[in-house]
Protein backbone atom coordinates (compact mmCIF):
# COMPACT_ATOMS: atom_id res chain seq x y z
CA UNK A 1 -0.01 0.06 0.16
CA UNK A 2 1.04 3.62 -0.31
CA UNK A 3 0.51 6.66 1.84
CA UNK A 4 -2.77 8.28 0.75
CA UNK A 5 -3.03 11.91 -0.19
CA UNK A 6 -6.69 12.45 -0.84
CA UNK A 7 -8.64 15.24 0.71
CA UNK A 8 -10.49 12.95 3.33
CA UNK A 9 -6.82 11.78 4.57
CA UNK A 10 -5.29 15.00 4.23
CA UNK A 11 -7.95 16.73 6.33
CA UNK A 12 -7.94 14.20 8.97
CA UNK A 13 -4.36 14.44 9.42
CA UNK A 14 -4.39 18.32 10.02
CA UNK A 15 -7.20 18.01 12.25
CA UNK A 16 -5.28 15.39 14.32
CA UNK A 17 -2.29 17.58 14.34
CA UNK A 18 -4.32 20.35 15.79
CA UNK A 19 -5.96 18.15 18.65
CA UNK A 20 -2.64 16.97 19.66
CA UNK A 21 -1.49 20.48 19.80
CA UNK A 22 -4.45 21.30 22.47
CA UNK A 23 -2.45 19.45 24.93
CA UNK A 24 -5.92 18.38 26.87
CA UNK A 25 -3.54 16.33 29.38
CA UNK A 26 -6.23 14.63 32.16
CA UNK A 27 -4.18 13.80 35.37
CA UNK A 28 -7.23 12.36 37.16
CA UNK A 29 -7.78 15.51 38.90
CA UNK A 30 -11.36 17.23 38.02
CA UNK A 31 -9.39 20.47 37.09
CA UNK A 32 -7.27 18.73 34.70
CA UNK A 33 -8.16 17.97 30.89
CA UNK A 34 -9.04 21.50 29.39
CA UNK A 35 -10.82 19.49 26.78
CA UNK A 36 -12.90 23.13 26.25
CA UNK A 37 -9.76 23.62 23.88
CA UNK A 38 -10.46 20.97 21.26
CA UNK A 39 -14.33 21.29 21.72
CA UNK A 40 -13.84 25.24 20.49
CA UNK A 41 -11.47 23.70 17.86
CA UNK A 42 -14.22 21.26 16.83
CA UNK A 43 -17.01 23.70 17.16
CA UNK A 44 -15.31 25.91 14.84
CA UNK A 45 -14.67 23.12 12.30
CA UNK A 46 -18.39 22.70 12.42
CA UNK A 47 -19.57 26.19 11.69
CA UNK A 48 -21.42 26.59 8.54
CA UNK A 49 -21.94 22.77 8.12
CA UNK A 50 -25.56 22.44 8.84
CA UNK A 51 -24.42 20.08 11.56
CA UNK A 52 -25.87 21.01 15.11
CA UNK A 53 -23.67 21.41 17.64
CA UNK A 54 -24.18 21.41 21.67
CA UNK A 55 -21.35 21.71 24.04
CA UNK A 56 -21.61 19.93 27.42
CA UNK A 57 -19.73 21.14 30.65
CA UNK A 58 -20.27 19.18 33.87
CA UNK A 59 -17.30 20.89 35.66
CA UNK A 60 -15.53 23.90 34.42
CA UNK A 61 -13.20 23.28 31.36
CA UNK A 62 -14.45 19.83 31.09
CA UNK A 63 -16.29 20.17 27.89
CA UNK A 64 -17.97 17.55 25.54
CA UNK A 65 -19.00 18.20 22.33
CA UNK A 66 -21.82 16.59 20.55
CA UNK A 67 -22.56 17.19 16.93
CA UNK A 68 -25.86 15.94 14.70
CA UNK A 69 -26.89 15.12 11.46
CA UNK A 70 -30.76 14.08 11.03
CA UNK A 71 -31.77 11.67 8.99
CA UNK A 72 -35.04 11.54 6.57
CA UNK A 73 -36.40 8.77 7.88
CA UNK A 74 -36.98 8.21 11.75
CA UNK A 75 -37.30 4.56 11.57
CA UNK A 76 -33.81 3.96 9.80
CA UNK A 77 -30.87 3.08 12.16
CA UNK A 78 -28.94 5.56 13.96
CA UNK A 79 -25.09 5.35 14.75
CA UNK A 80 -23.02 7.39 17.05
CA UNK A 81 -19.16 7.98 16.34
CA UNK A 82 -17.66 8.56 19.75
CA UNK A 83 -14.35 9.99 20.38
CA UNK A 84 -12.54 11.50 23.26
CA UNK A 85 -10.19 14.87 23.51
CA UNK A 86 -8.34 13.98 26.60
CA UNK A 87 -4.86 12.71 26.85
CA UNK A 88 -2.73 10.96 29.53
CA UNK A 89 0.33 13.10 30.82
CA UNK A 90 3.41 12.41 28.40
CA UNK A 91 6.23 11.65 30.57
CA UNK A 92 9.88 12.33 29.65
CA UNK A 93 12.34 11.26 26.64
CA UNK A 94 10.29 11.73 23.64
CA UNK A 95 12.15 12.10 20.35
CA UNK A 96 9.66 14.78 19.22
CA UNK A 97 7.56 17.23 21.04
CA UNK A 98 4.63 15.29 22.64
CA UNK A 99 2.34 18.09 22.00
CA UNK A 100 3.81 19.72 18.82
CA UNK A 101 1.81 17.39 16.34
CA UNK A 102 4.87 17.17 13.98
CA UNK A 103 4.75 15.51 10.73
CA UNK A 104 7.55 13.48 10.26
CA UNK A 105 8.87 11.48 7.20
CA UNK A 106 10.52 8.27 8.10
CA UNK A 107 12.24 5.71 6.11
CA UNK A 108 9.07 3.82 4.79
CA UNK A 109 6.15 5.90 6.24
CA UNK A 110 5.22 9.68 7.18
CA UNK A 111 4.19 9.97 10.87
CA UNK A 112 1.93 11.95 13.00
CA UNK A 113 3.86 12.09 16.57
CA UNK A 114 2.32 13.27 19.93
CA UNK A 115 0.39 12.39 22.92
CA UNK A 116 -3.14 10.80 21.98
CA UNK A 117 -2.44 10.18 18.37
CA UNK A 118 -2.77 6.23 18.51
CA UNK A 119 -5.63 7.09 21.60
CA UNK A 120 -7.73 8.25 20.42
CA UNK A 121 -7.25 11.45 18.52
CA UNK A 122 -6.78 9.92 14.98
CA UNK A 123 -10.11 8.53 15.19
CA UNK A 124 -11.80 11.38 17.13
CA UNK A 125 -10.48 13.41 13.72
CA UNK A 126 -11.66 10.99 11.44
CA UNK A 127 -15.11 10.87 12.94
CA UNK A 128 -15.27 14.64 12.67
CA UNK A 129 -14.32 14.73 9.17
CA UNK A 130 -16.42 12.08 8.11
CA UNK A 131 -19.55 14.06 9.88
CA UNK A 132 -18.54 17.45 8.20
CA UNK A 133 -17.70 16.11 4.95
CA UNK A 134 -21.40 14.71 4.80
CA UNK A 135 -22.49 17.90 6.18
CA UNK A 136 -21.69 19.73 3.36
CA UNK A 137 -22.22 17.56 0.77
CA UNK A 138 -25.91 18.26 1.13
CA UNK A 139 -26.77 14.79 1.18
CA UNK A 140 -29.07 13.22 3.56
CA UNK A 141 -29.18 9.53 4.45
CA UNK A 142 -32.21 7.90 6.19
CA UNK A 143 -30.41 7.35 9.47
CA UNK A 144 -29.33 10.04 12.13
CA UNK A 145 -25.67 10.64 12.38
CA UNK A 146 -24.08 11.62 15.72
CA UNK A 147 -20.47 12.58 16.81
CA UNK A 148 -19.65 12.98 20.38
CA UNK A 149 -16.00 14.34 21.32
CA UNK A 150 -15.97 13.87 24.78
CA UNK A 151 -14.09 14.68 27.82
CA UNK A 152 -12.67 12.71 30.71
CA UNK A 153 -12.34 9.12 29.16
CA UNK A 154 -8.81 8.46 30.52
CA UNK A 155 -10.23 9.10 33.87
CA UNK A 156 -13.33 6.81 33.80
CA UNK A 157 -15.56 8.82 31.79
CA UNK A 158 -17.15 10.65 34.57
CA UNK A 159 -17.17 13.88 33.58
CA UNK A 160 -17.87 13.01 29.95
CA UNK A 161 -19.59 9.74 28.27
CA UNK A 162 -20.74 8.53 31.83
CA UNK A 163 -22.18 12.02 32.80
CA UNK A 164 -23.93 12.36 29.13
CA UNK A 165 -25.24 9.15 29.31
CA UNK A 166 -27.03 9.65 32.57
CA UNK A 167 -27.81 13.21 32.38
CA UNK A 168 -28.37 13.99 28.73
CA UNK A 169 -29.41 10.81 27.35
CA UNK A 170 -31.46 12.42 24.32
CA UNK A 171 -28.43 13.42 22.82
CA UNK A 172 -26.63 9.94 22.39
CA UNK A 173 -29.95 7.98 22.10
CA UNK A 174 -28.78 6.07 19.24
CA UNK A 175 -29.08 2.32 17.85
CA UNK A 176 -25.10 1.52 17.61
CA UNK A 177 -21.64 2.99 18.60
CA UNK A 178 -18.37 3.07 16.94
CA UNK A 179 -15.44 4.00 19.25
CA UNK A 180 -11.92 2.71 20.20
CA UNK A 181 -9.87 0.46 19.75
CA UNK A 182 -9.51 -1.89 17.10
CA UNK A 183 -8.55 -1.95 13.35
CA UNK A 184 -5.13 -4.26 14.01
CA UNK A 185 -4.38 -6.44 10.77
CA UNK A 186 -3.52 -9.96 11.87
CA UNK A 187 -1.25 -11.68 8.94
CA UNK A 188 -0.48 -15.05 7.75
CA UNK A 189 1.96 -15.70 5.20
CA UNK A 190 2.54 -12.06 4.76
CA UNK A 191 -1.41 -11.68 3.93
CA UNK A 192 -3.94 -10.16 5.99
CA UNK A 193 -6.49 -12.76 7.03
CA UNK A 194 -8.44 -10.52 9.55
CA UNK A 195 -8.63 -7.30 11.44
CA UNK A 196 -9.53 -6.96 14.94
CA UNK A 197 -12.89 -5.49 16.27
CA UNK A 198 -13.57 -4.73 20.00
CA UNK A 199 -16.52 -6.00 20.83
CA UNK A 200 -16.57 -5.77 24.52
CA UNK A 201 -14.15 -5.16 27.70
CA UNK A 202 -13.42 -6.51 30.64
CA UNK A 203 -14.95 -5.65 34.21
CA UNK A 204 -13.65 -4.20 37.30
CA UNK A 205 -13.70 -6.10 40.45
CA UNK A 206 -10.97 -4.69 42.65
CA UNK A 207 -10.31 -6.17 46.31
CA UNK A 208 -8.59 -5.25 49.26
CA UNK A 209 -7.35 -8.23 51.29
CA UNK A 210 -6.34 -7.11 54.90
CA UNK A 211 -3.93 -9.19 57.14
CA UNK A 212 -3.79 -9.38 60.85
CA UNK A 213 -0.81 -9.82 62.93
CA UNK A 214 0.40 -9.20 66.97
CA UNK A 215 2.64 -6.26 67.66
CA UNK A 216 5.93 -6.53 69.30
CA UNK A 217 9.20 -5.23 69.62
CA UNK A 218 11.08 -5.80 66.24
CA UNK A 219 14.24 -5.99 67.67
CA UNK A 220 13.29 -10.19 68.11
CA UNK A 221 11.27 -10.68 64.72
CA UNK A 222 11.86 -14.24 64.71
CA UNK A 223 8.54 -16.31 65.33
CA UNK A 224 6.53 -12.82 65.39
CA UNK A 225 3.44 -12.86 63.86
CA UNK A 226 3.74 -10.03 61.25
CA UNK A 227 0.98 -8.90 58.79
CA UNK A 228 3.52 -7.89 56.51
CA UNK A 229 5.28 -10.98 56.04
CA UNK A 230 1.47 -12.88 55.84
CA UNK A 231 1.31 -10.40 53.18
CA UNK A 232 3.97 -10.98 51.35
CA UNK A 233 3.18 -14.65 50.91
CA UNK A 234 -0.43 -14.13 49.94
CA UNK A 235 1.22 -11.78 47.06
CA UNK A 236 3.35 -14.76 46.12
CA UNK A 237 0.52 -17.15 45.88
CA UNK A 238 -1.71 -14.37 43.91
CA UNK A 239 0.90 -13.98 41.40
CA UNK A 240 2.13 -17.60 41.16
CA UNK A 241 -1.40 -19.09 40.96
CA UNK A 242 -2.67 -20.61 37.60
CA UNK A 243 -6.09 -21.93 36.88
CA UNK A 244 -8.29 -18.81 35.71
CA UNK A 245 -8.19 -19.47 32.20
CA UNK A 246 -11.41 -19.27 30.06
CA UNK A 247 -11.80 -19.68 26.91
CA UNK A 248 -14.85 -18.15 25.38
CA UNK A 249 -16.43 -17.98 21.63
CA UNK A 250 -14.14 -15.10 20.63
CA UNK A 251 -10.86 -16.30 21.41
CA UNK A 252 -10.55 -19.00 18.67
CA UNK A 253 -11.25 -16.57 16.09
CA UNK A 254 -8.25 -14.47 16.99
CA UNK A 255 -6.06 -17.54 17.30
CA UNK A 256 -6.94 -19.03 13.89
CA UNK A 257 -5.90 -15.45 12.58
CA UNK A 258 -2.57 -16.06 13.90
CA UNK A 259 0.53 -17.02 11.79
CA UNK A 260 1.17 -20.16 14.33
CA UNK A 261 1.92 -23.76 14.00
CA UNK A 262 -1.28 -25.84 14.22
CA UNK A 263 -0.50 -27.58 17.59
CA UNK A 264 0.22 -23.95 19.23
CA UNK A 265 -3.16 -23.03 18.14
CA UNK A 266 -4.65 -26.23 19.46
CA UNK A 267 -3.13 -25.37 22.96
CA UNK A 268 -4.20 -21.31 22.75
CA UNK A 269 -7.65 -22.68 22.78
CA UNK A 270 -7.25 -25.74 25.48
CA UNK A 271 -7.80 -23.96 29.04
CA UNK A 272 -5.81 -26.76 30.47
CA UNK A 273 -2.58 -25.98 28.12
CA UNK A 274 -3.14 -22.27 27.24
CA UNK A 275 -0.83 -21.18 30.04
CA UNK A 276 1.97 -23.47 28.98
CA UNK A 277 1.74 -22.28 25.41
CA UNK A 278 1.53 -18.35 26.11
CA UNK A 279 5.39 -17.65 25.85
CA UNK A 280 5.30 -18.68 22.25
CA UNK A 281 3.42 -15.78 21.22
CA UNK A 282 5.90 -13.59 22.16
CA UNK A 283 5.42 -9.68 22.68
CA UNK A 284 1.55 -10.65 22.85
CA UNK A 285 1.72 -13.25 25.22
CA UNK A 286 0.78 -10.60 28.18
CA UNK A 287 -2.58 -9.41 26.12
CA UNK A 288 -3.37 -13.18 25.40
CA UNK A 289 -3.48 -14.02 28.75
CA UNK A 290 -5.25 -11.06 29.86
CA UNK A 291 -8.14 -11.62 27.32
CA UNK A 292 -8.41 -15.14 28.44
CA UNK A 293 -8.28 -15.12 32.11
CA UNK A 294 -9.46 -13.01 35.08
CA UNK A 295 -6.50 -11.12 36.11
CA UNK A 296 -5.24 -10.41 39.67
CA UNK A 297 -2.63 -7.75 40.00
CA UNK A 298 -1.33 -6.64 43.81
CA UNK A 299 -0.82 -2.71 43.06
CA UNK A 300 -0.70 -1.35 46.40
CA UNK A 301 0.44 -2.55 49.57
CA UNK A 302 0.28 -0.69 53.14
CA UNK A 303 1.55 -2.07 56.47
CA UNK A 304 2.69 -1.21 60.06
CA UNK A 305 2.95 1.66 62.23
CA UNK A 306 6.65 2.45 62.98
CA UNK A 307 9.87 0.94 62.15
CA UNK A 308 10.53 -0.71 65.28
CA UNK A 309 7.21 -2.39 66.13
CA UNK A 310 6.59 -5.78 64.18
CA UNK A 311 3.25 -5.01 62.16
CA UNK A 312 0.20 -5.54 63.42
CA UNK A 313 -1.68 -4.98 60.06
CA UNK A 314 -1.41 -4.80 56.44
CA UNK A 315 -3.47 -4.71 53.42
CA UNK A 316 -3.20 -5.14 49.57
CA UNK A 317 -5.40 -3.53 47.06
CA UNK A 318 -5.71 -5.95 43.78
CA UNK A 319 -6.98 -4.42 40.35
CA UNK A 320 -8.95 -7.49 39.10
CA UNK A 321 -10.16 -7.64 35.63
CA UNK A 322 -13.20 -9.98 35.00
CA UNK A 323 -14.28 -11.58 31.99
CA UNK A 324 -17.69 -11.56 30.74
CA UNK A 325 -19.70 -13.98 32.90
CA UNK A 326 -17.54 -13.52 35.85
CA UNK A 327 -19.40 -12.49 38.95
CA UNK A 328 -18.19 -11.18 42.13
CA UNK A 329 -18.85 -14.37 43.77
CA UNK A 330 -16.74 -15.71 41.19
CA UNK A 331 -13.91 -13.35 42.02
CA UNK A 332 -14.07 -14.32 45.77
CA UNK A 333 -13.92 -17.97 44.99
CA UNK A 334 -10.84 -17.72 42.88
CA UNK A 335 -9.10 -15.53 45.35
CA UNK A 336 -9.51 -17.78 48.26
CA UNK A 337 -8.29 -20.76 45.83
CA UNK A 338 -5.11 -18.66 45.32
CA UNK A 339 -4.58 -17.72 48.63
CA UNK A 340 -4.85 -21.48 49.84
CA UNK A 341 -4.35 -21.89 53.59
CA UNK A 342 -3.97 -18.42 54.07
CA UNK A 343 -7.59 -17.85 53.12
CA UNK A 344 -8.70 -18.92 56.32
CA UNK A 345 -6.65 -15.62 58.08
CA UNK A 346 -7.53 -12.81 55.83
CA UNK A 347 -10.36 -10.49 55.14
CA UNK A 348 -11.54 -9.55 51.62
CA UNK A 349 -13.29 -6.31 51.02
CA UNK A 350 -14.73 -5.02 47.52
CA UNK A 351 -13.05 -1.77 46.01
CA UNK A 352 -14.92 1.08 44.70
CA UNK A 353 -15.50 1.46 40.96
CA UNK A 354 -16.90 -2.32 40.52
CA UNK A 355 -17.50 -2.47 36.89
CA UNK A 356 -19.45 -5.52 35.28
CA UNK A 357 -17.61 -6.91 31.73
CA UNK A 358 -19.34 -5.88 28.85
CA UNK A 359 -19.85 -7.41 25.66
CA UNK A 360 -22.03 -6.60 22.25
CA UNK A 361 -23.29 -9.22 19.81
CA UNK A 362 -21.76 -10.21 16.52
CA UNK A 363 -25.02 -10.52 14.83
CA UNK A 364 -26.05 -6.78 14.14
CA UNK A 365 -26.07 -4.79 10.82
CA UNK A 366 -23.47 -2.76 12.15
CA UNK A 367 -20.88 -5.09 12.98
CA UNK A 368 -21.80 -6.83 9.60
CA UNK A 369 -20.83 -3.29 8.09
CA UNK A 370 -17.53 -3.76 9.87
CA UNK A 371 -16.67 -7.14 8.20
CA UNK A 372 -17.56 -5.38 4.70
CA UNK A 373 -15.32 -2.72 5.58
CA UNK A 374 -12.32 -5.01 6.46
CA UNK A 375 -13.09 -6.89 3.53
CA UNK A 376 -13.28 -3.61 1.16
CA UNK A 377 -9.54 -2.46 2.91
CA UNK A 378 -7.93 -5.86 2.89
CA UNK A 379 -9.62 -8.33 0.03
CA UNK A 380 -10.18 -11.66 1.65
CA UNK A 381 -10.13 -10.37 5.44
CA UNK A 382 -12.71 -10.85 7.96
CA UNK A 383 -13.57 -8.79 11.00
CA UNK A 384 -12.35 -10.77 14.25
CA UNK A 385 -13.85 -10.09 17.41
CA UNK A 386 -11.94 -9.56 20.57
CA UNK A 387 -12.44 -8.42 24.17
CA UNK A 388 -10.45 -5.50 25.14
CA UNK A 389 -8.40 -5.83 28.91
CA UNK A 390 -9.25 -2.34 29.52
CA UNK A 391 -12.07 -0.13 29.86
CA UNK A 392 -13.10 2.56 27.65
CA UNK A 393 -16.59 4.72 27.36
CA UNK A 394 -18.40 2.09 25.17
CA UNK A 395 -19.55 0.38 28.33
CA UNK A 396 -21.50 3.25 29.07
CA UNK A 397 -23.70 2.26 26.20
CA UNK A 398 -23.53 -1.63 26.18
CA UNK A 399 -24.87 -1.43 29.87
CA UNK A 400 -27.72 0.42 28.28
CA UNK A 401 -28.21 -2.45 25.66
CA UNK A 402 -26.91 -0.51 22.70
CA UNK A 403 -24.19 -2.46 20.85
CA UNK A 404 -20.64 -0.71 20.62
CA UNK A 405 -17.55 -1.94 19.05
CA UNK A 406 -14.26 -0.74 18.84
CA UNK A 407 -13.04 -0.19 15.14
CA UNK A 408 -10.47 1.42 13.19
CA UNK A 409 -8.01 0.26 10.17
CA UNK A 410 -4.37 0.37 10.60
CA UNK A 411 -1.75 -0.48 7.87
CA UNK A 412 -0.26 -3.95 7.32
CA UNK A 413 2.74 -2.93 9.24
CA UNK A 414 1.19 -2.53 12.59
CA UNK A 415 0.91 -5.55 14.99
CA UNK A 416 -0.87 -5.67 18.34
CA UNK A 417 2.53 -5.56 20.16
CA UNK A 418 3.39 -2.29 18.32
CA UNK A 419 0.18 -0.67 19.24
CA UNK A 420 0.29 -1.56 23.19
CA UNK A 421 3.75 -0.48 23.22
CA UNK A 422 3.08 3.19 21.87
CA UNK A 423 0.07 3.65 23.59
CA UNK A 424 0.52 6.02 26.90
CA UNK A 425 3.96 5.78 26.29
CA UNK A 426 6.60 7.76 25.04
CA UNK A 427 6.94 8.42 21.16
CA UNK A 428 3.35 7.93 20.16
CA UNK A 429 2.63 8.24 16.84
CA UNK A 430 0.78 6.94 13.64
CA UNK A 431 1.47 6.70 10.37
CA UNK A 432 -0.73 8.75 7.29
CA UNK A 433 -1.37 5.53 5.99
CA UNK A 434 -3.20 3.93 8.87
CA UNK A 435 -4.90 7.55 9.66
CA UNK A 436 -6.31 7.32 5.51
CA UNK A 437 -7.06 3.54 5.94
CA UNK A 438 -9.35 4.55 8.90
CA UNK A 439 -11.04 7.44 7.57
CA UNK A 440 -12.13 5.80 4.41
CA UNK A 441 -13.27 2.78 6.50
CA UNK A 442 -15.41 4.88 8.72
CA UNK A 443 -17.31 6.69 6.09
CA UNK A 444 -17.93 3.38 4.17
CA UNK A 445 -19.32 1.92 7.58
CA UNK A 446 -21.58 5.06 8.42
CA UNK A 447 -22.94 5.09 4.74
CA UNK A 448 -23.77 1.29 4.96
CA UNK A 449 -25.71 1.73 8.31
CA UNK A 450 -27.34 4.66 7.64
CA UNK A 451 -28.52 3.87 4.07
CA UNK A 452 -29.63 0.11 4.72
CA UNK A 453 -30.65 -0.52 1.23
CA UNK A 454 -27.46 1.06 -0.21
CA UNK A 455 -24.86 -1.37 -1.69
CA UNK A 456 -21.12 -1.04 -1.52
């Protein structure tokens, strides 16, 4: 493939660069983000197009923009293109300015550099360009098109998508949603056989595990009942435990599209053999483990009162990500299994932010349109449904029964490991070819879904 130079791609690249320069950095605090800057950029972008635009500001500066193109048939399907404008802090050590939006020519591609280029400003820009292009064309499709560029996704969406769904649901009352992440090509024998579409995401079911000890002078620690020592033993058991594998109906689709020997593919879809086979996946082994297991990550440990006192108490906070169908009771049972005999001497408590896993069906017209768009970009390829290990704004719509899919279209040079290594990392960037593939695929999907009787 060669880099596209058409108007849609050029316009998307320029808008992407502007969104990067707005530097809407969300650090988790309510006053961070400054998404009002990108909302103003997009409001200007849609001026004079005929699209209706509304700004939503639940907290000063945390502005989301919602634009709409009405359809001609109230019974036709409606579609939301859901982007976000906030980005995570850049960190240090960048080769180029993380908020420069620089266009940099490499040996085999031209790249747009900057924080948010992948997550997910290139898609937000592509959605806006598709909306603006359709608005300016004067064409009115049967179905209604909505575009949202929301705040606060990187901190959970509480001042963005979640707030809008709860407080202004009429703005996003749609039949389907397109958002992040997807579009990674899966190649076999040098040919792309599939492209990922995210159809669901894991849930969050964190736990705090408390440990009790008996205090005494720390100068004689032998034989002491030290809560920190017990916590350390428990953490080791959790980290070393296996047996949480759960193979759903989606994972075999992904495995089938990988360029692997048949015996390895067979092991990867066998719950009793997958853990032993994971190392053969190289840089995507961690991702493969995450989407086939409920995962338990000890992230915070606290204990003790003073340096010369044997610890009377300690606790560890676990980031637990659940697969679809795994309940809170399942989490506690698995955790006690991992703890073994220590389960009898601990107290397990749920942490805040409990969210169930979510998943959208595969038998929808929207998913069929995504499959068609994949085949148009890569003849012979199919959409490959996957579960995302992390959380995104789509869950707020899935939880209301609205199908939501993570979709994009990357060039053949991309692999899952490349994407994972650059998202939220230094030197985040995207090639112009991928931007072009994405915007054209999105336009194709929009036309297909909102004009159901139309071919091509």
